[in-house]
């Protein structure tokens, strides 16, 4: 094997391993603060040795990172998992390629600043793009190290991305200066200042987080008792082995048994998982056997309400579809499908919220006017759920709360909408069983902890097969159920009406980085034009 190949392969592997650990091993988020060093060293080595087609190597590094951390997507869809790894790595590689291009026109530290702000601008754009997979946003590296992320209530997860880039670039710059013996020309004050500044950059945010976490007092403007119902139904055999009536019986028996042994008589919200049933018709709820069975359960146990997930349908007349993803009926009119969350009361009063952040391919068709005819031509099925445009809240016993359906809990700035609408606490309902016993469901749980910090809201989480739990306003999982077991989990969540800086002002870090990125991109473009003249 050629010497350059061995070096580049070692750099790529070291980068992928180091940057994967925060997503795979609890309490290792700090590794991300220097995890990009092998990649930056690989780029320096390739430049110094005139390596041709270097893009292959940095693309390989990003592919390995994505594969190590999100391979589990293939458990649900092999094609979708491979596409997610390759496409997300390609976007990362394009950002890195822009950095390489900028080095030809920008001197000193500017190309590295350009790399950081371009990366964060891309992450911000990714949160709102139609084809969106923000699982590896750098700030998520602290999702399993929440003691380092208490300041997210001010910055959101992109504040973590900025910290990671600042530390990596500062450390790389310092190491480059040492290696090039440029530090020999520094006087004692300069050396002390550089070392102290580097230490402060690494330690300062961590200490700030510890202080914020220690000083933050849980807000409780009231409490809601919660009972999480985890039915543990294998989604791959959901309808092959069990019809909806049998599934209803599992959940109702689970709830009935737990409710009969409950001592307290205080109002109780039952929480069931995402897409539990598929027989809900919007505004015709009484036609659903599941709805009727749940009403009976609530009346058998006064003082209860239930939140549950459903694949719902909405029929409407007309010659023109409201959405390109709607289905035309043979008898005339249209049907719209949703992934919904419903809050049901004993008298049958029903509130419904339709999931907005839909999973590409399995739930949502990007650019439907182009993709749907092509999919039809190829005879390929593709997701055609429709989300609602504006966030609305559900109400349990008159108290407003927000319900993030599965994938929505990954989107921090999106979830601020629940708080701005007046949510006192949050619920997350999900079905992570598609991924099997892999890191996927644990990573998904940890993202809810970041949302709790950003919004300072208690979160109750219900997964079909786990992990269900209750998370406090500091992002601590104070109650946690088992994985792949039928169980109930009883506790309470606090009400909080205070609005964090992040919830009120949104993603300021992302907006500032996007602005700086555009300025530097313009500078690069202008310098290319000047050279051509």
Protein backbone atom coordinates (compact mmCIF):
# COMPACT_ATOMS: atom_id res chain seq x y z
CA UNK A 1 0.00 0.00 0.00
CA UNK A 2 1.47 3.41 -0.96
CA UNK A 3 2.66 5.58 1.94
CA UNK A 4 0.19 8.40 1.18
CA UNK A 5 -2.68 5.92 1.11
CA UNK A 6 -1.77 4.52 4.52
CA UNK A 7 -1.56 7.98 6.06
CA UNK A 8 -4.83 9.20 4.54
CA UNK A 9 -6.69 6.02 5.49
CA UNK A 10 -5.46 6.31 9.08
CA UNK A 11 -6.56 9.95 9.29
CA UNK A 12 -10.00 9.15 7.82
CA UNK A 13 -10.56 6.23 10.20
CA UNK A 14 -9.39 8.20 13.24
CA UNK A 15 -11.75 11.04 12.39
CA UNK A 16 -14.73 8.71 11.88
CA UNK A 17 -14.13 6.84 15.14
CA UNK A 18 -13.58 9.96 17.24
CA UNK A 19 -16.64 11.75 15.90
CA UNK A 20 -18.84 8.66 16.26
CA UNK A 21 -18.13 8.09 19.94
CA UNK A 22 -20.33 10.98 21.24
CA UNK A 23 -23.32 9.40 19.48
CA UNK A 24 -22.53 5.84 20.53
CA UNK A 25 -21.06 6.07 24.05
CA UNK A 26 -22.67 8.06 26.90
CA UNK A 27 -20.74 10.96 28.43
CA UNK A 28 -18.20 11.20 25.59
CA UNK A 29 -19.48 14.41 24.01
CA UNK A 30 -16.25 16.21 24.91
CA UNK A 31 -14.40 14.15 22.24
CA UNK A 32 -16.16 16.19 19.55
CA UNK A 33 -14.20 19.23 20.78
CA UNK A 34 -11.09 17.76 19.12
CA UNK A 35 -12.65 15.11 16.88
CA UNK A 36 -12.10 17.11 13.67
CA UNK A 37 -8.31 17.31 14.19
CA UNK A 38 -7.59 14.12 12.18
CA UNK A 39 -9.66 15.47 9.27
CA UNK A 40 -7.88 18.84 9.33
CA UNK A 41 -4.54 17.06 9.60
CA UNK A 42 -5.50 14.86 6.64
CA UNK A 43 -6.25 17.96 4.57
CA UNK A 44 -2.92 19.57 5.56
CA UNK A 45 -1.05 16.37 4.70
CA UNK A 46 -2.78 16.06 1.31
CA UNK A 47 -2.02 19.69 0.44
CA UNK A 48 1.62 19.43 1.50
CA UNK A 49 2.15 16.26 -0.53
CA UNK A 50 0.13 17.26 -3.59
CA UNK A 51 -2.35 14.38 -3.27
CA UNK A 52 -4.60 14.18 -6.33
CA UNK A 53 -8.37 13.61 -6.12
CA UNK A 54 -8.31 14.29 -2.38
CA UNK A 55 -12.09 14.71 -2.44
CA UNK A 56 -12.36 10.91 -2.45
CA UNK A 57 -10.62 10.77 0.91
CA UNK A 58 -12.63 13.41 2.72
CA UNK A 59 -15.83 11.95 1.26
CA UNK A 60 -14.74 8.52 2.55
CA UNK A 61 -14.14 10.01 6.01
CA UNK A 62 -17.66 11.45 6.11
CA UNK A 63 -19.17 8.21 4.79
CA UNK A 64 -17.49 6.27 7.59
CA UNK A 65 -18.70 8.73 10.23
CA UNK A 66 -22.28 8.56 8.95
CA UNK A 67 -22.14 4.77 8.64
CA UNK A 68 -20.74 4.22 12.14
CA UNK A 69 -23.40 6.40 13.77
CA UNK A 70 -26.54 5.83 11.64
CA UNK A 71 -26.10 2.34 10.15
CA UNK A 72 -29.21 1.30 12.05
CA UNK A 73 -31.46 3.07 9.51
CA UNK A 74 -30.84 0.04 7.27
CA UNK A 75 -32.77 -2.09 9.77
CA UNK A 76 -35.92 -0.26 8.62
CA UNK A 77 -35.01 0.32 4.97
CA UNK A 78 -31.76 -0.84 3.40
CA UNK A 79 -32.06 1.50 0.42
CA UNK A 80 -33.06 4.44 2.59
CA UNK A 81 -30.23 3.77 5.03
CA UNK A 82 -27.60 3.61 2.31
CA UNK A 83 -28.99 6.75 0.69
CA UNK A 84 -29.00 8.61 4.03
CA UNK A 85 -25.35 7.73 4.67
CA UNK A 86 -24.10 8.55 1.17
CA UNK A 87 -26.22 11.68 0.64
CA UNK A 88 -25.51 13.20 4.05
CA UNK A 89 -21.80 12.47 3.66
CA UNK A 90 -21.88 14.07 0.21
CA UNK A 91 -23.29 17.29 1.62
CA UNK A 92 -20.62 17.35 4.34
CA UNK A 93 -17.98 16.71 1.69
CA UNK A 94 -19.30 19.58 -0.44
CA UNK A 95 -18.97 21.92 2.55
CA UNK A 96 -15.40 20.72 3.03
CA UNK A 97 -14.78 21.17 -0.68
CA UNK A 98 -15.89 24.79 -0.45
CA UNK A 99 -13.38 25.25 2.34
CA UNK A 100 -10.64 23.81 0.13
CA UNK A 101 -11.67 26.16 -2.66
CA UNK A 102 -11.64 29.16 -0.32
CA UNK A 103 -8.02 28.43 0.64
CA UNK A 104 -7.02 29.45 -2.87
CA UNK A 105 -8.38 32.96 -2.36
CA UNK A 106 -8.42 33.63 1.37
CA UNK A 107 -5.32 33.73 3.50
CA UNK A 108 -4.47 33.04 7.12
CA UNK A 109 -7.30 31.89 9.36
CA UNK A 110 -10.11 33.07 7.05
CA UNK A 111 -10.56 29.75 5.20
CA UNK A 112 -10.99 27.96 8.52
CA UNK A 113 -13.52 30.52 9.72
CA UNK A 114 -15.25 30.03 6.37
CA UNK A 115 -15.34 26.26 7.02
CA UNK A 116 -16.98 26.70 10.44
CA UNK A 117 -19.64 29.20 9.38
CA UNK A 118 -20.39 27.30 6.16
CA UNK A 119 -20.92 24.10 8.12
CA UNK A 120 -23.24 25.77 10.62
CA UNK A 121 -25.11 27.63 7.85
CA UNK A 122 -25.64 24.26 6.16
CA UNK A 123 -26.92 22.75 9.41
CA UNK A 124 -29.38 25.64 9.80
CA UNK A 125 -30.61 25.26 6.22
CA UNK A 126 -30.93 21.52 6.78
CA UNK A 127 -33.50 22.08 9.54
CA UNK A 128 -35.94 23.57 7.00
CA UNK A 129 -35.01 21.71 3.79
CA UNK A 130 -37.52 19.33 2.19
CA UNK A 131 -34.94 16.53 2.17
CA UNK A 132 -33.70 16.80 5.72
CA UNK A 133 -31.63 14.49 7.93
CA UNK A 134 -30.17 16.61 10.77
CA UNK A 135 -29.32 13.62 12.97
CA UNK A 136 -25.60 14.44 13.00
CA UNK A 137 -25.85 18.17 13.65
CA UNK A 138 -22.66 18.73 15.63
CA UNK A 139 -24.45 20.22 18.64
CA UNK A 140 -26.20 16.85 19.08
CA UNK A 141 -22.85 15.44 20.21
CA UNK A 142 -23.77 16.59 23.74
CA UNK A 143 -27.18 14.89 23.75
CA UNK A 144 -25.76 12.13 25.96
CA UNK A 145 -23.55 14.58 27.86
CA UNK A 146 -26.20 17.11 28.88
CA UNK A 147 -24.05 18.48 31.69
CA UNK A 148 -22.09 20.26 28.95
CA UNK A 149 -25.17 21.68 27.22
CA UNK A 150 -27.16 23.58 29.86
CA UNK A 151 -26.52 26.84 27.97
CA UNK A 152 -28.58 25.51 25.02
CA UNK A 153 -31.50 27.41 26.57
CA UNK A 154 -29.80 30.47 25.03
CA UNK A 155 -28.27 29.13 21.81
CA UNK A 156 -29.96 25.89 20.88
CA UNK A 157 -27.98 22.97 19.48
CA UNK A 158 -26.15 25.10 16.90
CA UNK A 159 -24.44 26.83 19.80
CA UNK A 160 -22.86 23.45 20.45
CA UNK A 161 -21.84 23.22 16.80
CA UNK A 162 -20.09 26.59 17.11
CA UNK A 163 -18.26 25.49 20.27
CA UNK A 164 -17.07 22.30 18.59
CA UNK A 165 -15.72 24.16 15.57
CA UNK A 166 -14.10 26.88 17.70
CA UNK A 167 -12.25 24.32 19.83
CA UNK A 168 -11.14 22.17 16.90
CA UNK A 169 -9.88 25.12 14.88
CA UNK A 170 -8.14 26.78 17.83
CA UNK A 171 -6.41 23.55 18.81
CA UNK A 172 -5.41 22.83 15.22
CA UNK A 173 -4.05 26.34 14.81
CA UNK A 174 -2.05 26.09 18.02
CA UNK A 175 -0.67 22.68 17.04
CA UNK A 176 0.24 23.99 13.58
CA UNK A 177 2.10 26.92 15.14
CA UNK A 178 4.01 24.57 17.47
CA UNK A 179 4.93 22.21 14.67
CA UNK A 180 6.08 25.06 12.45
CA UNK A 181 8.11 26.49 15.35
CA UNK A 182 6.35 29.80 14.92
CA UNK A 183 5.85 29.86 18.69
CA UNK A 184 9.64 30.29 19.06
CA UNK A 185 9.16 33.91 18.01
CA UNK A 186 6.47 34.54 20.63
CA UNK A 187 7.40 36.24 23.87
CA UNK A 188 6.38 34.81 27.23
CA UNK A 189 3.18 36.87 27.42
CA UNK A 190 2.08 35.68 23.99
CA UNK A 191 2.68 32.07 24.91
CA UNK A 192 0.81 32.37 28.19
CA UNK A 193 -2.06 34.21 26.50
CA UNK A 194 -2.39 31.60 23.74
CA UNK A 195 -2.38 28.66 26.16
CA UNK A 196 -4.78 30.41 28.54
CA UNK A 197 -7.09 31.38 25.68
CA UNK A 198 -7.15 27.81 24.39
CA UNK A 199 -7.88 26.44 27.86
CA UNK A 200 -10.62 29.01 28.38
CA UNK A 201 -12.23 28.08 25.06
CA UNK A 202 -12.40 24.43 26.09
CA UNK A 203 -13.24 24.87 29.76
CA UNK A 204 -15.28 28.11 29.77
CA UNK A 205 -18.50 26.78 28.17
CA UNK A 206 -18.28 23.60 30.26
CA UNK A 207 -17.98 25.61 33.48
CA UNK A 208 -20.73 27.95 32.33
CA UNK A 209 -22.97 24.96 31.69
CA UNK A 210 -22.23 23.55 35.14
CA UNK A 211 -23.05 26.89 36.78
CA UNK A 212 -26.29 27.29 34.80
CA UNK A 213 -27.30 23.72 35.62
CA UNK A 214 -26.54 24.14 39.32
CA UNK A 215 -28.39 27.45 39.58
CA UNK A 216 -31.43 26.44 37.54
CA UNK A 217 -34.40 25.58 39.72
CA UNK A 218 -37.16 23.40 38.32
CA UNK A 219 -40.26 25.51 37.69
CA UNK A 220 -43.51 23.98 38.86
CA UNK A 221 -46.66 26.02 38.28
CA UNK A 222 -48.66 22.85 38.79
CA UNK A 223 -48.32 19.18 37.92
CA UNK A 224 -49.92 16.66 35.63
CA UNK A 225 -49.92 13.00 36.59
CA UNK A 226 -48.90 10.80 33.68
CA UNK A 227 -49.16 7.10 32.88
CA UNK A 228 -47.14 5.94 29.88
CA UNK A 229 -48.50 2.85 28.11
CA UNK A 230 -45.82 0.86 26.26
CA UNK A 231 -47.65 -2.00 24.46
CA UNK A 232 -44.49 -3.49 22.85
CA UNK A 233 -46.07 -4.53 19.55
CA UNK A 234 -43.57 -5.59 16.88
CA UNK A 235 -44.27 -3.24 13.93
CA UNK A 236 -43.01 -5.78 11.40
CA UNK A 237 -45.72 -8.21 12.53
CA UNK A 238 -48.29 -5.63 13.58
CA UNK A 239 -50.98 -6.65 11.11
CA UNK A 240 -49.73 -10.10 10.12
CA UNK A 241 -50.35 -11.50 13.61
CA UNK A 242 -52.75 -9.01 15.21
CA UNK A 243 -55.75 -7.10 13.94
CA UNK A 244 -56.52 -3.64 15.34
CA UNK A 245 -59.07 -5.02 17.80
CA UNK A 246 -56.45 -7.33 19.31
CA UNK A 247 -53.94 -4.50 19.53
CA UNK A 248 -56.56 -2.34 21.25
CA UNK A 249 -57.14 -5.14 23.75
CA UNK A 250 -53.42 -5.25 24.60
CA UNK A 251 -53.26 -1.53 25.31
CA UNK A 252 -56.59 -1.36 27.16
CA UNK A 253 -55.74 -4.39 29.32
CA UNK A 254 -52.36 -2.83 30.10
CA UNK A 255 -54.02 0.44 31.13
CA UNK A 256 -56.91 -1.19 32.98
CA UNK A 257 -54.63 -3.33 35.12
CA UNK A 258 -52.40 -0.36 36.04
CA UNK A 259 -55.35 1.93 36.75
CA UNK A 260 -57.06 -0.56 39.05
CA UNK A 261 -53.95 -0.82 41.23
CA UNK A 262 -53.44 2.95 41.33
CA UNK A 263 -53.94 4.62 44.72
CA UNK A 264 -54.18 8.27 43.72
CA UNK A 265 -57.43 9.76 42.42
CA UNK A 266 -55.84 12.84 40.82
CA UNK A 267 -56.47 13.52 37.10
CA UNK A 268 -54.31 11.28 34.95
CA UNK A 269 -53.18 11.57 31.33
CA UNK A 270 -52.60 8.23 29.65
CA UNK A 271 -49.98 8.35 26.88
CA UNK A 272 -49.87 5.77 24.07
CA UNK A 273 -47.35 5.56 21.21
CA UNK A 274 -47.20 6.92 17.68
CA UNK A 275 -49.34 5.31 14.92
CA UNK A 276 -51.04 2.99 17.38
CA UNK A 277 -54.13 2.72 15.19
CA UNK A 278 -55.09 3.34 11.56
CA UNK A 279 -58.87 3.60 11.82
CA UNK A 280 -59.25 7.31 12.66
CA UNK A 281 -61.26 9.51 10.28
CA UNK A 282 -60.83 13.20 11.00
CA UNK A 283 -64.09 14.80 12.23
CA UNK A 284 -65.81 11.39 12.08
CA UNK A 285 -64.13 9.95 15.14
CA UNK A 286 -67.13 7.95 16.32
CA UNK A 287 -66.73 5.66 13.27
CA UNK A 288 -63.44 4.37 14.72
CA UNK A 289 -63.61 1.20 16.86
CA UNK A 290 -60.38 2.27 18.57
CA UNK A 291 -61.81 5.67 19.46
CA UNK A 292 -64.96 4.08 20.88
CA UNK A 293 -62.94 1.56 22.90
CA UNK A 294 -60.79 4.34 24.37
CA UNK A 295 -63.88 6.37 25.30
CA UNK A 296 -65.16 3.31 27.16
CA UNK A 297 -61.81 2.94 28.95
CA UNK A 298 -61.89 6.59 30.07
CA UNK A 299 -65.45 6.27 31.36
CA UNK A 300 -64.53 3.11 33.24
CA UNK A 301 -61.84 5.14 35.00
CA UNK A 302 -63.10 8.65 35.76
CA UNK A 303 -60.54 11.43 35.83
CA UNK A 304 -58.53 10.14 32.88
CA UNK A 305 -57.77 11.36 29.37
CA UNK A 306 -55.61 9.73 26.71
CA UNK A 307 -53.03 10.89 24.18
CA UNK A 308 -52.41 8.43 21.37
CA UNK A 309 -50.96 8.29 17.87
CA UNK A 310 -52.84 7.33 14.72
CA UNK A 311 -52.48 7.08 10.99
CA UNK A 312 -55.54 9.18 10.24
CA UNK A 313 -57.58 9.87 7.13
CA UNK A 314 -59.43 12.98 6.02
CA UNK A 315 -62.03 12.86 3.23
CA UNK A 316 -63.09 15.94 1.31
CA UNK A 317 -65.02 16.65 -1.91
CA UNK A 318 -63.93 18.61 -4.95
CA UNK A 319 -62.27 18.29 -8.33
CA UNK A 320 -58.89 19.66 -7.22
CA UNK A 321 -56.63 18.20 -4.53
CA UNK A 322 -55.61 20.39 -1.60
CA UNK A 323 -52.16 18.79 -1.67
CA UNK A 324 -50.29 16.91 -4.43
CA UNK A 325 -49.86 13.95 -2.08
CA UNK A 326 -53.61 13.41 -1.59
CA UNK A 327 -55.28 10.39 -3.19
CA UNK A 328 -58.17 10.67 -5.63
CA UNK A 329 -61.14 8.43 -4.84
CA UNK A 330 -62.99 6.44 -7.51
CA UNK A 331 -66.32 7.68 -6.20
CA UNK A 332 -65.14 11.28 -6.38
CA UNK A 333 -63.40 13.53 -3.92
CA UNK A 334 -60.08 13.06 -2.19
CA UNK A 335 -58.42 11.47 0.83
CA UNK A 336 -55.57 13.01 2.79
CA UNK A 337 -53.46 10.85 5.10
CA UNK A 338 -51.75 12.09 8.26
CA UNK A 339 -49.52 10.86 11.06
CA UNK A 340 -51.49 12.29 13.94
CA UNK A 341 -51.60 12.73 17.70
CA UNK A 342 -55.01 12.85 19.38
CA UNK A 343 -56.09 13.94 22.87
CA UNK A 344 -59.35 12.24 23.84
CA UNK A 345 -61.65 13.05 26.76
CA UNK A 346 -64.34 10.79 28.34
CA UNK A 347 -67.16 12.75 26.70
CA UNK A 348 -65.64 12.11 23.26
CA UNK A 349 -64.15 15.58 22.80
CA UNK A 350 -61.17 15.05 20.49
CA UNK A 351 -58.27 17.31 19.59
CA UNK A 352 -55.91 16.34 16.78
CA UNK A 353 -52.45 17.42 15.64
CA UNK A 354 -50.86 16.27 12.38
CA UNK A 355 -47.11 15.63 12.32
CA UNK A 356 -45.33 18.28 10.24
CA UNK A 357 -41.70 17.11 10.14
CA UNK A 358 -42.20 13.97 8.08
CA UNK A 359 -39.59 11.31 7.29
CA UNK A 360 -38.52 11.56 3.67
CA UNK A 361 -39.52 8.57 1.58
CA UNK A 362 -41.48 6.59 4.14
CA UNK A 363 -43.88 9.41 5.06
CA UNK A 364 -43.21 12.40 2.85
CA UNK A 365 -42.57 12.93 -0.85
CA UNK A 366 -40.19 15.83 -1.51
CA UNK A 367 -41.00 17.92 -4.58
CA UNK A 368 -44.19 15.85 -5.10
CA UNK A 369 -45.14 17.33 -8.48
CA UNK A 370 -41.92 15.89 -9.88
CA UNK A 371 -41.32 12.80 -7.75
CA UNK A 372 -44.85 11.35 -7.62
CA UNK A 373 -45.32 10.96 -11.41
CA UNK A 374 -41.83 9.43 -11.61
CA UNK A 375 -42.57 7.00 -8.76
CA UNK A 376 -45.86 6.04 -10.42
CA UNK A 377 -44.05 5.44 -13.72
CA UNK A 378 -41.50 3.20 -12.01
CA UNK A 379 -44.16 1.42 -9.97
CA UNK A 380 -42.46 2.44 -6.72
CA UNK A 381 -44.33 3.24 -3.52
CA UNK A 382 -43.43 6.38 -1.60
CA UNK A 383 -44.78 8.12 1.50
CA UNK A 384 -47.67 10.50 0.94
CA UNK A 385 -48.57 11.78 4.39
CA UNK A 386 -49.55 15.44 4.74
CA UNK A 387 -48.57 17.55 7.72
CA UNK A 388 -50.18 20.67 9.08
CA UNK A 389 -48.61 24.04 8.33
CA UNK A 390 -48.84 25.67 11.75
CA UNK A 391 -48.16 24.21 15.17
CA UNK A 392 -51.20 23.77 17.40
CA UNK A 393 -51.43 22.52 20.96
CA UNK A 394 -53.43 19.79 22.63
CA UNK A 395 -55.09 20.23 26.03
CA UNK A 396 -55.26 17.72 28.88
CA UNK A 397 -57.66 18.78 31.64
CA UNK A 398 -57.57 22.28 30.16
CA UNK A 399 -53.77 22.63 30.31
CA UNK A 400 -52.02 23.21 26.94
CA UNK A 401 -49.14 20.98 25.93
CA UNK A 402 -47.22 20.29 22.75
CA UNK A 403 -46.91 16.84 21.22
CA UNK A 404 -43.88 16.18 19.00
CA UNK A 405 -44.54 13.10 16.90
CA UNK A 406 -41.39 10.99 16.57
CA UNK A 407 -38.96 12.70 14.14
CA UNK A 408 -40.17 16.18 15.11
CA UNK A 409 -38.27 15.93 18.39
CA UNK A 410 -34.99 16.20 16.44
CA UNK A 411 -35.80 19.77 15.33
CA UNK A 412 -34.95 22.23 18.09
CA UNK A 413 -36.09 25.51 16.54
CA UNK A 414 -39.28 23.85 15.29
CA UNK A 415 -40.11 22.73 18.83
CA UNK A 416 -39.85 26.31 20.08
CA UNK A 417 -43.18 26.81 18.33
CA UNK A 418 -44.91 24.71 20.99
CA UNK A 419 -43.60 27.01 23.72
CA UNK A 420 -44.48 30.19 21.84
CA UNK A 421 -48.01 28.85 21.47
CA UNK A 422 -48.20 28.42 25.25
CA UNK A 423 -47.28 24.76 25.95
CA UNK A 424 -46.73 24.08 29.66
CA UNK A 425 -44.95 20.77 28.98
CA UNK A 426 -44.18 18.51 26.02
CA UNK A 427 -44.95 14.96 25.00
CA UNK A 428 -43.05 12.88 22.48
CA UNK A 429 -44.75 9.83 21.00
CA UNK A 430 -42.75 7.53 18.80
CA UNK A 431 -42.24 4.05 17.40
CA UNK A 432 -38.52 3.29 17.33
CA UNK A 433 -38.97 -0.46 17.01
CA UNK A 434 -38.25 -0.34 13.26
CA UNK A 435 -34.53 -0.02 14.07
CA UNK A 436 -34.24 -3.03 16.36
CA UNK A 437 -31.86 -3.10 19.31
CA UNK A 438 -29.38 -0.62 17.81
CA UNK A 439 -28.06 2.80 18.89
CA UNK A 440 -30.88 4.51 16.97
CA UNK A 441 -33.54 4.48 19.67
CA UNK A 442 -31.05 5.56 22.33
CA UNK A 443 -29.89 8.49 20.21
CA UNK A 444 -33.50 9.48 19.57
CA UNK A 445 -34.26 9.47 23.29
CA UNK A 446 -31.23 11.67 23.98
CA UNK A 447 -32.44 14.36 21.56
CA UNK A 448 -35.53 14.81 23.71
CA UNK A 449 -33.17 15.68 26.57
CA UNK A 450 -31.75 18.54 24.47
CA UNK A 451 -35.27 19.81 23.73
CA UNK A 452 -36.00 19.80 27.48
CA UNK A 453 -32.96 22.02 28.10
CA UNK A 454 -33.59 24.36 25.17
CA UNK A 455 -37.21 24.93 26.18
CA UNK A 456 -36.96 24.24 29.94
CA UNK A 457 -39.99 22.01 29.71
CA UNK A 458 -40.65 18.62 31.27
CA UNK A 459 -41.12 15.97 28.58
CA UNK A 460 -43.03 12.71 28.77
CA UNK A 461 -41.93 10.23 26.13
CA UNK A 462 -43.83 7.15 25.00
CA UNK A 463 -42.31 4.61 22.64
CA UNK A 464 -44.14 1.57 21.35
CA UNK A 465 -41.27 -0.68 22.42
CA UNK A 466 -39.27 1.90 24.43
CA UNK A 467 -37.47 3.74 25.59
CA UNK A 468 -40.32 5.51 27.39
CA UNK A 469 -39.59 7.94 30.15
CA UNK A 470 -39.97 11.32 31.82
CA UNK A 471 -37.32 14.01 31.35
CA UNK A 472 -37.01 17.05 33.59
CA UNK A 473 -36.20 20.65 32.65
CA UNK A 474 -32.44 20.03 32.99
CA UNK A 475 -32.54 17.20 30.46
CA UNK A 476 -32.20 14.49 33.09
CA UNK A 477 -34.11 11.26 32.49
CA UNK A 478 -35.73 10.94 35.89
CA UNK A 479 -37.86 7.90 35.00
CA UNK A 480 -37.00 5.39 32.35
CA UNK A 481 -38.73 2.24 31.17
CA UNK A 482 -37.19 -0.91 29.66
CA UNK A 483 -36.57 -1.67 26.00
CA UNK A 484 -38.74 -4.24 24.20
CA UNK A 485 -41.01 -5.00 27.15
CA UNK A 486 -44.70 -4.39 27.68
CA UNK A 487 -44.89 -2.00 30.61
CA UNK A 488 -46.47 1.04 32.19
CA UNK A 489 -44.63 3.98 33.70
CA UNK A 490 -46.30 6.37 36.13
CA UNK A 491 -45.04 9.79 37.19
CA UNK A 492 -45.78 13.48 36.77
CA UNK A 493 -44.59 16.49 34.77
CA UNK A 494 -44.30 20.08 35.94
CA UNK A 495 -46.02 23.01 34.26
CA UNK A 496 -43.84 25.92 33.14
CA UNK A 497 -45.00 29.02 31.27
CA UNK A 498 -41.63 30.83 31.22
CA UNK A 499 -40.05 31.26 27.79
CA UNK A 500 -36.32 30.67 27.33
CA UNK A 501 -34.14 33.01 25.28
CA UNK A 502 -33.83 30.35 22.58
CA UNK A 503 -37.58 29.77 22.45
CA UNK A 504 -38.27 33.50 22.17
CA UNK A 505 -35.53 34.50 19.72
CA UNK A 506 -34.83 31.29 17.84
CA UNK A 507 -31.57 30.21 16.32
CA UNK A 508 -29.42 33.35 16.48
CA UNK A 509 -26.17 31.38 16.11
CA UNK A 510 -27.36 29.86 12.86
CA UNK A 511 -28.54 33.20 11.48
CA UNK A 512 -25.27 34.98 12.32
CA UNK A 513 -23.16 32.17 10.84
CA UNK A 514 -25.27 32.21 7.69
CA UNK A 515 -24.69 35.95 7.33
CA UNK A 516 -20.92 35.58 7.79
CA UNK A 517 -20.89 32.65 5.36
CA UNK A 518 -22.57 34.77 2.68
CA UNK A 519 -20.05 37.61 3.21
CA UNK A 520 -17.06 35.28 2.94
CA UNK A 521 -18.57 33.46 -0.04
CA UNK A 522 -18.97 36.81 -1.76
CA UNK A 523 -15.33 37.63 -0.99
CA UNK A 524 -14.19 34.35 -2.53
CA UNK A 525 -16.35 34.93 -5.61
CA UNK A 526 -15.07 38.48 -6.09
CA UNK A 527 -11.45 37.35 -5.85
CA UNK A 528 -12.04 34.70 -8.50
CA UNK A 529 -13.53 37.38 -10.77
CA UNK A 530 -10.59 39.72 -10.19
CA UNK A 531 -8.14 36.98 -11.18
CA UNK A 532 -10.00 36.28 -14.41
CA UNK A 533 -9.68 39.91 -15.41
